[in-house]
N, C-alpha and C. Protein backbone atom coordinates (compact mmCIF):
# COMPACT_ATOMS: atom_id res chain seq x y z
N MET A 1 88.75 -80.15 -66.05
CA MET A 1 88.10 -80.02 -67.44
C MET A 1 88.89 -79.41 -68.31
N LYS A 2 88.64 -79.42 -69.57
CA LYS A 2 89.03 -78.66 -70.48
C LYS A 2 87.96 -77.90 -70.92
N VAL A 3 88.02 -76.54 -71.42
CA VAL A 3 87.11 -75.83 -71.76
C VAL A 3 87.58 -74.99 -73.20
N ARG A 4 86.74 -75.31 -74.17
CA ARG A 4 87.17 -74.47 -75.46
C ARG A 4 86.08 -73.66 -75.93
N GLY A 5 86.45 -72.59 -76.44
CA GLY A 5 85.47 -71.78 -77.09
C GLY A 5 85.10 -70.32 -76.16
N LEU A 6 85.98 -70.17 -75.27
CA LEU A 6 85.90 -69.04 -74.29
C LEU A 6 86.11 -67.72 -75.32
N PRO A 7 85.46 -66.68 -74.86
CA PRO A 7 85.75 -65.47 -75.55
C PRO A 7 87.25 -65.00 -75.16
N TYR A 8 87.97 -64.57 -76.17
CA TYR A 8 89.41 -64.16 -75.89
C TYR A 8 89.53 -63.00 -74.73
N GLU A 9 88.67 -62.37 -74.46
CA GLU A 9 88.78 -61.24 -73.63
C GLU A 9 88.45 -61.63 -72.29
N SER A 10 87.86 -63.00 -72.04
CA SER A 10 87.24 -63.43 -70.80
C SER A 10 88.09 -63.49 -69.55
N SER A 11 87.65 -63.03 -68.57
CA SER A 11 88.52 -62.79 -67.31
C SER A 11 88.06 -64.04 -66.45
N ASP A 12 89.16 -64.30 -65.39
CA ASP A 12 88.72 -65.22 -64.41
C ASP A 12 87.48 -65.00 -63.73
N THR A 13 86.86 -63.85 -63.57
CA THR A 13 85.67 -63.54 -63.06
C THR A 13 84.62 -63.84 -63.98
N ASP A 14 84.75 -63.65 -65.31
CA ASP A 14 83.87 -64.06 -66.34
C ASP A 14 83.56 -65.72 -66.23
N ILE A 15 84.63 -66.19 -66.00
CA ILE A 15 84.62 -67.85 -66.07
C ILE A 15 83.94 -68.34 -64.81
N HIS A 16 84.32 -67.76 -63.68
CA HIS A 16 83.64 -68.10 -62.41
C HIS A 16 82.17 -67.91 -62.51
N SER A 17 81.75 -66.69 -63.11
CA SER A 17 80.47 -66.41 -63.24
C SER A 17 79.59 -67.49 -63.99
N PHE A 18 80.30 -67.79 -65.19
CA PHE A 18 79.70 -68.78 -66.22
C PHE A 18 79.50 -70.10 -65.59
N PHE A 19 80.36 -70.58 -64.54
CA PHE A 19 80.10 -71.75 -63.89
C PHE A 19 79.86 -71.47 -62.39
N LYS A 20 79.00 -70.43 -62.08
CA LYS A 20 78.43 -70.05 -60.88
C LYS A 20 77.68 -71.14 -59.94
N ASP A 21 77.25 -72.34 -60.70
CA ASP A 21 76.73 -73.49 -59.75
C ASP A 21 77.80 -74.42 -59.30
N SER A 22 78.91 -74.23 -59.62
CA SER A 22 80.11 -75.03 -59.40
C SER A 22 81.24 -74.30 -58.75
N THR A 23 82.00 -75.06 -57.77
CA THR A 23 83.03 -74.34 -57.07
C THR A 23 84.36 -74.74 -57.81
N ILE A 24 85.19 -73.59 -58.08
CA ILE A 24 86.41 -73.70 -58.81
C ILE A 24 87.29 -73.63 -57.56
N ILE A 25 88.54 -74.44 -57.65
CA ILE A 25 89.21 -74.19 -56.73
C ILE A 25 90.25 -72.91 -56.82
N SER A 26 90.84 -72.44 -55.64
CA SER A 26 91.55 -71.30 -55.67
C SER A 26 92.82 -71.59 -56.63
N ASN A 27 93.01 -70.57 -57.54
CA ASN A 27 93.87 -70.83 -58.85
C ASN A 27 93.68 -71.91 -59.55
N GLY A 28 92.48 -72.29 -59.95
CA GLY A 28 91.93 -73.41 -60.66
C GLY A 28 91.60 -73.11 -62.06
N ILE A 29 91.96 -72.13 -62.38
CA ILE A 29 91.79 -71.70 -63.90
C ILE A 29 93.06 -71.24 -64.54
N GLN A 30 93.36 -72.18 -65.57
CA GLN A 30 94.58 -71.97 -66.27
C GLN A 30 94.25 -71.84 -67.62
N LYS A 31 94.27 -70.65 -68.16
CA LYS A 31 94.00 -70.22 -69.52
C LYS A 31 95.27 -70.73 -70.43
N VAL A 32 94.84 -71.14 -71.58
CA VAL A 32 95.89 -71.54 -72.64
C VAL A 32 96.15 -70.42 -73.48
N PHE A 33 97.47 -70.16 -73.79
CA PHE A 33 97.83 -68.90 -74.51
C PHE A 33 98.64 -69.57 -76.08
N GLU A 34 98.46 -68.93 -76.90
CA GLU A 34 99.20 -69.18 -78.10
C GLU A 34 100.19 -67.99 -78.39
N GLY A 35 101.28 -68.09 -77.83
CA GLY A 35 102.25 -67.00 -77.74
C GLY A 35 101.91 -66.01 -76.62
N ARG A 36 101.39 -64.83 -76.92
CA ARG A 36 100.93 -63.99 -75.81
C ARG A 36 99.33 -63.77 -75.84
N ARG A 37 98.70 -64.35 -76.92
CA ARG A 37 97.39 -64.33 -77.08
C ARG A 37 96.77 -65.47 -76.57
N PRO A 38 95.51 -65.19 -75.95
CA PRO A 38 94.51 -66.20 -75.48
C PRO A 38 93.99 -66.98 -76.53
N SER A 39 93.96 -68.26 -76.41
CA SER A 39 93.55 -69.32 -77.57
C SER A 39 91.95 -69.74 -77.34
N GLY A 40 91.30 -69.12 -76.24
CA GLY A 40 90.04 -69.51 -76.11
C GLY A 40 89.83 -70.73 -75.34
N GLU A 41 90.84 -71.40 -74.89
CA GLU A 41 90.82 -72.55 -74.08
C GLU A 41 91.28 -72.31 -72.77
N ALA A 42 90.72 -73.22 -71.83
CA ALA A 42 91.45 -73.18 -70.42
C ALA A 42 91.25 -74.63 -69.87
N PHE A 43 92.18 -74.80 -68.70
CA PHE A 43 92.01 -75.93 -67.80
C PHE A 43 91.31 -75.46 -66.52
N ILE A 44 90.17 -76.04 -66.05
CA ILE A 44 89.50 -75.56 -64.93
C ILE A 44 89.44 -76.69 -63.84
N LEU A 45 89.78 -76.47 -62.62
CA LEU A 45 89.68 -77.39 -61.50
C LEU A 45 88.67 -77.20 -60.74
N PHE A 46 87.83 -78.06 -60.42
CA PHE A 46 86.70 -77.94 -59.46
C PHE A 46 87.07 -78.62 -58.32
N ALA A 47 86.14 -78.24 -57.20
CA ALA A 47 86.41 -78.55 -56.03
C ALA A 47 86.04 -79.99 -55.51
N THR A 48 84.90 -80.30 -56.21
CA THR A 48 84.51 -81.79 -55.94
C THR A 48 83.99 -82.35 -57.39
N LYS A 49 83.82 -83.60 -57.23
CA LYS A 49 83.49 -84.35 -58.34
C LYS A 49 81.95 -83.99 -59.04
N ALA A 50 81.11 -83.83 -57.84
CA ALA A 50 79.69 -83.19 -58.12
C ALA A 50 79.74 -81.72 -58.83
N ASP A 51 80.82 -80.97 -58.39
CA ASP A 51 81.06 -79.59 -58.87
C ASP A 51 81.35 -79.71 -60.59
N ALA A 52 82.20 -80.66 -60.69
CA ALA A 52 82.78 -81.04 -62.05
C ALA A 52 81.51 -81.56 -63.03
N ASN A 53 80.68 -82.59 -62.35
CA ASN A 53 79.64 -82.94 -63.07
C ASN A 53 78.53 -81.85 -63.41
N LYS A 54 78.31 -81.08 -62.53
CA LYS A 54 77.51 -79.86 -62.61
C LYS A 54 78.04 -78.97 -63.85
N ALA A 55 79.21 -78.72 -63.88
CA ALA A 55 79.96 -77.94 -64.80
C ALA A 55 79.71 -78.54 -66.14
N LEU A 56 79.79 -79.82 -66.44
CA LEU A 56 79.66 -80.64 -67.57
C LEU A 56 78.47 -80.27 -68.17
N GLU A 57 77.19 -80.07 -67.41
CA GLU A 57 75.89 -79.59 -67.89
C GLU A 57 75.88 -78.34 -68.64
N LYS A 58 76.85 -77.42 -68.59
CA LYS A 58 76.99 -76.08 -69.12
C LYS A 58 77.56 -76.44 -70.63
N ASP A 59 77.89 -77.76 -70.98
CA ASP A 59 78.51 -77.78 -72.34
C ASP A 59 77.44 -77.51 -73.31
N LYS A 60 77.99 -76.68 -74.32
CA LYS A 60 77.41 -76.05 -75.72
C LYS A 60 76.53 -74.88 -75.20
N GLN A 61 76.62 -74.42 -74.07
CA GLN A 61 75.63 -73.39 -73.77
C GLN A 61 76.75 -72.08 -73.96
N ARG A 62 76.10 -70.86 -74.06
CA ARG A 62 76.73 -69.67 -74.53
C ARG A 62 77.17 -68.88 -73.50
N MET A 63 78.58 -68.43 -73.88
CA MET A 63 79.12 -67.46 -72.90
C MET A 63 79.24 -66.12 -73.89
N GLY A 64 78.57 -65.09 -73.55
CA GLY A 64 78.63 -63.98 -74.72
C GLY A 64 78.00 -64.53 -75.99
N THR A 65 78.72 -64.45 -77.02
CA THR A 65 78.28 -64.64 -78.38
C THR A 65 78.90 -66.14 -78.86
N ARG A 66 79.82 -66.76 -77.96
CA ARG A 66 80.16 -68.01 -78.18
C ARG A 66 79.85 -69.09 -77.41
N TYR A 67 79.79 -70.29 -77.95
CA TYR A 67 79.22 -71.48 -77.29
C TYR A 67 80.38 -72.22 -76.79
N ILE A 68 80.18 -72.75 -75.54
CA ILE A 68 81.49 -73.42 -74.87
C ILE A 68 81.36 -74.80 -74.91
N GLU A 69 82.55 -75.37 -75.26
CA GLU A 69 82.66 -76.78 -75.26
C GLU A 69 83.42 -77.25 -73.96
N ILE A 70 82.90 -78.33 -73.27
CA ILE A 70 83.58 -78.73 -71.96
C ILE A 70 83.82 -80.31 -72.13
N PHE A 71 85.05 -80.59 -71.93
CA PHE A 71 85.71 -82.02 -71.63
C PHE A 71 86.15 -82.29 -70.73
N LEU A 72 86.08 -83.58 -70.13
CA LEU A 72 86.85 -84.12 -69.20
C LEU A 72 88.20 -84.34 -69.81
N CYS A 73 89.30 -84.11 -69.28
CA CYS A 73 90.49 -84.30 -69.79
C CYS A 73 91.53 -85.23 -68.88
N HIS A 74 92.39 -85.89 -69.42
CA HIS A 74 93.31 -86.69 -68.64
C HIS A 74 94.15 -85.83 -67.80
N PRO A 75 94.38 -86.11 -66.51
CA PRO A 75 95.17 -85.37 -65.63
C PRO A 75 96.57 -85.11 -66.36
N LYS A 76 97.17 -86.10 -67.20
CA LYS A 76 98.52 -85.59 -67.76
C LYS A 76 98.51 -84.56 -68.65
N GLU A 77 97.29 -84.33 -69.35
CA GLU A 77 97.18 -83.09 -70.43
C GLU A 77 97.33 -81.87 -69.46
N TYR A 78 96.75 -81.87 -68.25
CA TYR A 78 96.89 -80.46 -67.61
C TYR A 78 98.25 -80.47 -67.11
N THR A 79 98.73 -81.51 -66.49
CA THR A 79 100.08 -81.18 -65.72
C THR A 79 101.14 -81.14 -66.96
N ASN A 80 100.87 -81.58 -68.24
CA ASN A 80 101.90 -81.39 -69.07
C ASN A 80 101.85 -79.80 -69.62
N TYR A 81 100.55 -79.34 -69.64
CA TYR A 81 100.48 -78.01 -69.93
C TYR A 81 101.06 -76.91 -69.20
N ILE A 82 100.84 -77.41 -67.86
CA ILE A 82 101.52 -76.49 -66.63
C ILE A 82 103.06 -76.65 -66.91
N LYS A 83 103.52 -77.78 -66.96
CA LYS A 83 105.05 -77.97 -66.97
C LYS A 83 105.55 -77.08 -68.37
N SER A 84 104.88 -77.11 -69.25
CA SER A 84 105.37 -76.68 -70.74
C SER A 84 105.27 -74.95 -70.66
N ARG A 85 104.58 -74.40 -69.84
CA ARG A 85 104.27 -73.04 -69.75
C ARG A 85 105.74 -72.27 -69.33
N LYS A 86 106.46 -71.70 -70.42
CA LYS A 86 107.79 -71.05 -69.97
C LYS A 86 107.54 -69.96 -69.03
N SER A 87 106.39 -69.20 -69.07
CA SER A 87 106.53 -67.98 -68.19
C SER A 87 105.74 -68.23 -66.92
N PHE A 88 105.38 -69.47 -66.70
CA PHE A 88 104.79 -70.00 -65.45
C PHE A 88 105.59 -69.77 -64.25
N SER A 89 105.19 -69.24 -63.32
CA SER A 89 105.93 -68.90 -61.96
C SER A 89 104.82 -69.05 -61.00
N GLY A 90 105.43 -69.33 -59.81
CA GLY A 90 104.75 -69.68 -58.43
C GLY A 90 104.30 -70.99 -57.97
N GLY A 91 104.97 -71.89 -58.80
CA GLY A 91 104.79 -73.46 -58.35
C GLY A 91 103.50 -74.05 -58.78
N TYR A 92 103.43 -75.22 -58.63
CA TYR A 92 102.32 -75.98 -58.92
C TYR A 92 101.04 -76.01 -58.09
N GLN A 93 100.02 -75.27 -58.75
CA GLN A 93 98.96 -74.94 -57.88
C GLN A 93 97.86 -75.95 -57.88
N GLY A 94 97.59 -76.82 -58.74
CA GLY A 94 96.58 -77.70 -58.71
C GLY A 94 96.80 -79.03 -59.36
N GLY A 95 95.91 -79.84 -59.49
CA GLY A 95 96.23 -80.99 -60.17
C GLY A 95 95.57 -82.27 -59.51
N TYR A 96 96.25 -83.37 -59.80
CA TYR A 96 95.53 -84.76 -59.55
C TYR A 96 96.70 -85.60 -59.15
N ASN A 97 96.24 -86.67 -58.48
CA ASN A 97 97.09 -87.73 -58.10
C ASN A 97 97.00 -88.94 -59.51
N SER A 98 97.78 -89.71 -59.35
CA SER A 98 97.82 -90.70 -60.42
C SER A 98 96.87 -91.88 -60.39
N ASN A 99 95.52 -91.27 -60.73
CA ASN A 99 94.38 -92.27 -60.59
C ASN A 99 93.74 -92.74 -61.82
N TYR A 100 94.46 -92.60 -62.67
CA TYR A 100 94.16 -92.90 -64.28
C TYR A 100 94.46 -94.48 -64.35
N GLN A 101 93.54 -95.44 -64.59
CA GLN A 101 93.84 -96.76 -64.80
C GLN A 101 92.90 -97.21 -65.98
N GLY A 102 93.76 -97.24 -67.17
CA GLY A 102 93.07 -97.79 -68.28
C GLY A 102 91.82 -97.03 -68.81
N ASN A 103 90.94 -97.63 -68.93
CA ASN A 103 89.65 -96.84 -69.37
C ASN A 103 88.82 -96.26 -68.37
N ASN A 104 89.22 -96.86 -67.03
CA ASN A 104 88.45 -96.22 -65.96
C ASN A 104 89.28 -94.85 -65.52
N TYR A 105 88.52 -93.75 -66.10
CA TYR A 105 89.09 -92.35 -65.57
C TYR A 105 88.60 -92.03 -64.20
N ASN A 106 89.63 -91.69 -63.28
CA ASN A 106 89.04 -91.51 -62.03
C ASN A 106 89.88 -90.35 -61.42
N PRO A 107 89.52 -89.05 -61.84
CA PRO A 107 90.36 -88.05 -61.24
C PRO A 107 90.07 -88.10 -59.65
N GLY A 108 91.21 -87.70 -59.21
CA GLY A 108 91.06 -87.82 -57.56
C GLY A 108 91.60 -86.57 -56.98
N TYR A 109 91.52 -86.54 -55.66
CA TYR A 109 92.12 -85.49 -54.82
C TYR A 109 93.39 -85.77 -54.40
N SER A 110 94.58 -85.07 -54.61
CA SER A 110 95.88 -85.34 -54.32
C SER A 110 96.17 -84.77 -52.99
N ASN A 111 96.78 -85.62 -52.12
CA ASN A 111 97.27 -85.23 -50.78
C ASN A 111 98.47 -84.23 -50.96
N GLN A 112 99.28 -84.45 -52.03
CA GLN A 112 100.42 -83.72 -52.24
C GLN A 112 100.06 -82.13 -52.54
N HIS A 113 99.18 -81.99 -53.17
CA HIS A 113 99.04 -80.52 -54.02
C HIS A 113 97.54 -80.16 -53.75
N GLN A 114 97.37 -78.94 -53.86
CA GLN A 114 96.04 -78.43 -53.90
C GLN A 114 95.31 -79.07 -55.00
N GLY A 115 94.50 -79.95 -55.00
CA GLY A 115 93.89 -80.68 -55.97
C GLY A 115 92.49 -80.17 -56.42
N GLY A 116 91.92 -80.97 -57.27
CA GLY A 116 90.70 -80.66 -57.94
C GLY A 116 90.19 -81.56 -58.91
N TYR A 117 89.04 -81.53 -59.17
CA TYR A 117 88.47 -82.39 -60.27
C TYR A 117 88.30 -81.80 -61.51
N GLY A 118 88.49 -82.41 -62.65
CA GLY A 118 88.24 -81.62 -64.05
C GLY A 118 88.70 -82.67 -64.91
């Protein structure tokens, strides 16, 4: 999932609390930064498709004073972001296998990586 509208000061704990009814995989929150400043966006990987669908129900709800927009995103958008992070260290922690087939978006669990849905 791609999330937009996060409060700039939100921590991973705050994000876990917001999505308390869904399980986020370990290291499944990747905040997007503009330089050194948070952009208010993040990629979040959920443990199951059911968790991801439950998270979608939080679309347009408020986190603090901001409303949160939640989108399904193409797996390549997530992996391209991870690859582009100049300061990223620690290896590839989450993601997808290549299950995108035309208009039939089918995020899947990767056997090669600690995967997730989002």
